């Protein structure tokens, strides 16, 4: 899928959430979409589950 197509789908999802669910739903969909984008970018660059576990273990110390 091309980037413009994915952007269009994301925009449509935000529009539907805003129309049917109000502003709170719009913000929730936007936040979860941003989180999904960040996780996808991170895994695309070679991130592993082990990296996440190590990050949480370091923060406990």
C-alpha atoms as a PDB file:
ATOM      1  CA  UNK A   1       0.000   0.000   0.000  1.00  0.00           C
ATOM      2  CA  UNK A   2       1.225   3.458  -0.785  1.00  0.00           C
ATOM      3  CA  UNK A   3       1.695   6.112   1.869  1.00  0.00           C
ATOM      4  CA  UNK A   4      -1.040   8.408   0.490  1.00  0.00           C
ATOM      5  CA  UNK A   5      -3.516   5.512   0.563  1.00  0.00           C
ATOM      6  CA  UNK A   6      -2.679   4.683   4.182  1.00  0.00           C
ATOM      7  CA  UNK A   7      -3.035   8.372   5.059  1.00  0.00           C
ATOM      8  CA  UNK A   8      -6.430   8.469   3.394  1.00  0.00           C
ATOM      9  CA  UNK A   9      -7.604   5.413   5.358  1.00  0.00           C
ATOM     10  CA  UNK A  10      -6.363   6.954   8.619  1.00  0.00           C
ATOM     11  CA  UNK A  11      -8.154  10.198   7.820  1.00  0.00           C
ATOM     12  CA  UNK A  12     -11.369   8.357   7.077  1.00  0.00           C
ATOM     13  CA  UNK A  13     -11.116   6.448  10.365  1.00  0.00           C
ATOM     14  CA  UNK A  14     -10.650   9.724  12.257  1.00  0.00           C
ATOM     15  CA  UNK A  15     -13.571  11.302  10.422  1.00  0.00           C
ATOM     16  CA  UNK A  16     -15.895   8.397  11.247  1.00  0.00           C
ATOM     17  CA  UNK A  17     -14.776   8.418  14.886  1.00  0.00           C
ATOM     18  CA  UNK A  18     -15.368  12.154  15.134  1.00  0.00           C
ATOM     19  CA  UNK A  19     -18.749  11.988  13.429  1.00  0.00           C
ATOM     20  CA  UNK A  20     -20.213   9.019  15.295  1.00  0.00           C
ATOM     21  CA  UNK A  21     -18.342   9.115  18.602  1.00  0.00           C
ATOM     22  CA  UNK A  22     -17.605  12.766  19.220  1.00  0.00           C
ATOM     23  CA  UNK A  23     -14.384  14.521  20.039  1.00  0.00           C
ATOM     24  CA  UNK A  24     -13.301  11.979  22.687  1.00  0.00           C
ATOM     25  CA  UNK A  25     -13.493   9.142  20.183  1.00  0.00           C
ATOM     26  CA  UNK A  26     -11.593  11.261  17.665  1.00  0.00           C
ATOM     27  CA  UNK A  27      -8.755  11.783  20.156  1.00  0.00           C
ATOM     28  CA  UNK A  28      -8.699   8.094  21.125  1.00  0.00           C
ATOM     29  CA  UNK A  29      -8.479   6.966  17.500  1.00  0.00           C
ATOM     30  CA  UNK A  30      -5.767   9.548  16.800  1.00  0.00           C
ATOM     31  CA  UNK A  31      -3.715   8.480  19.848  1.00  0.00           C
ATOM     32  CA  UNK A  32      -3.999   4.768  19.081  1.00  0.00           C
ATOM     33  CA  UNK A  33      -3.162   5.417  15.436  1.00  0.00           C
ATOM     34  CA  UNK A  34      -0.047   7.331  16.466  1.00  0.00           C
ATOM     35  CA  UNK A  35       0.965   4.556  18.830  1.00  0.00           C
ATOM     36  CA  UNK A  36       0.467   1.972  16.089  1.00  0.00           C
ATOM     37  CA  UNK A  37       2.542   4.048  13.693  1.00  0.00           C
ATOM     38  CA  UNK A  38       5.362   4.359  16.247  1.00  0.00           C
ATOM     39  CA  UNK A  39       5.390   0.614  16.976  1.00  0.00           C
ATOM     40  CA  UNK A  40       5.369  -0.179  13.257  1.00  0.00           C
ATOM     41  CA  UNK A  41       8.275   2.184  12.615  1.00  0.00           C
ATOM     42  CA  UNK A  42      10.210   0.746  15.535  1.00  0.00           C
ATOM     43  CA  UNK A  43       9.741  -2.863  14.414  1.00  0.00           C
ATOM     44  CA  UNK A  44      10.542  -1.930  10.813  1.00  0.00           C
ATOM     45  CA  UNK A  45      13.923  -0.639  11.965  1.00  0.00           C
ATOM     46  CA  UNK A  46      14.782  -3.911  13.697  1.00  0.00           C
ATOM     47  CA  UNK A  47      13.315  -3.528  17.173  1.00  0.00           C
ATOM     48  CA  UNK A  48      12.619  -6.707  19.119  1.00  0.00           C
ATOM     49  CA  UNK A  49      10.512  -7.678  22.122  1.00  0.00           C
ATOM     50  CA  UNK A  50      13.757  -8.237  24.019  1.00  0.00           C
ATOM     51  CA  UNK A  51      14.543  -4.499  23.664  1.00  0.00           C
ATOM     52  CA  UNK A  52      11.245  -3.595  25.329  1.00  0.00           C
ATOM     53  CA  UNK A  53      11.791  -6.040  28.181  1.00  0.00           C
ATOM     54  CA  UNK A  54      15.299  -4.713  28.755  1.00  0.00           C
ATOM     55  CA  UNK A  55      14.027  -1.121  28.826  1.00  0.00           C
ATOM     56  CA  UNK A  56      11.485  -1.969  31.539  1.00  0.00           C
ATOM     57  CA  UNK A  57      14.052  -3.868  33.602  1.00  0.00           C
ATOM     58  CA  UNK A  58      16.477  -0.929  33.459  1.00  0.00           C
ATOM     59  CA  UNK A  59      13.797   1.481  34.676  1.00  0.00           C
ATOM     60  CA  UNK A  60      13.080  -0.621  37.768  1.00  0.00           C
ATOM     61  CA  UNK A  61      16.663  -0.428  38.997  1.00  0.00           C
END
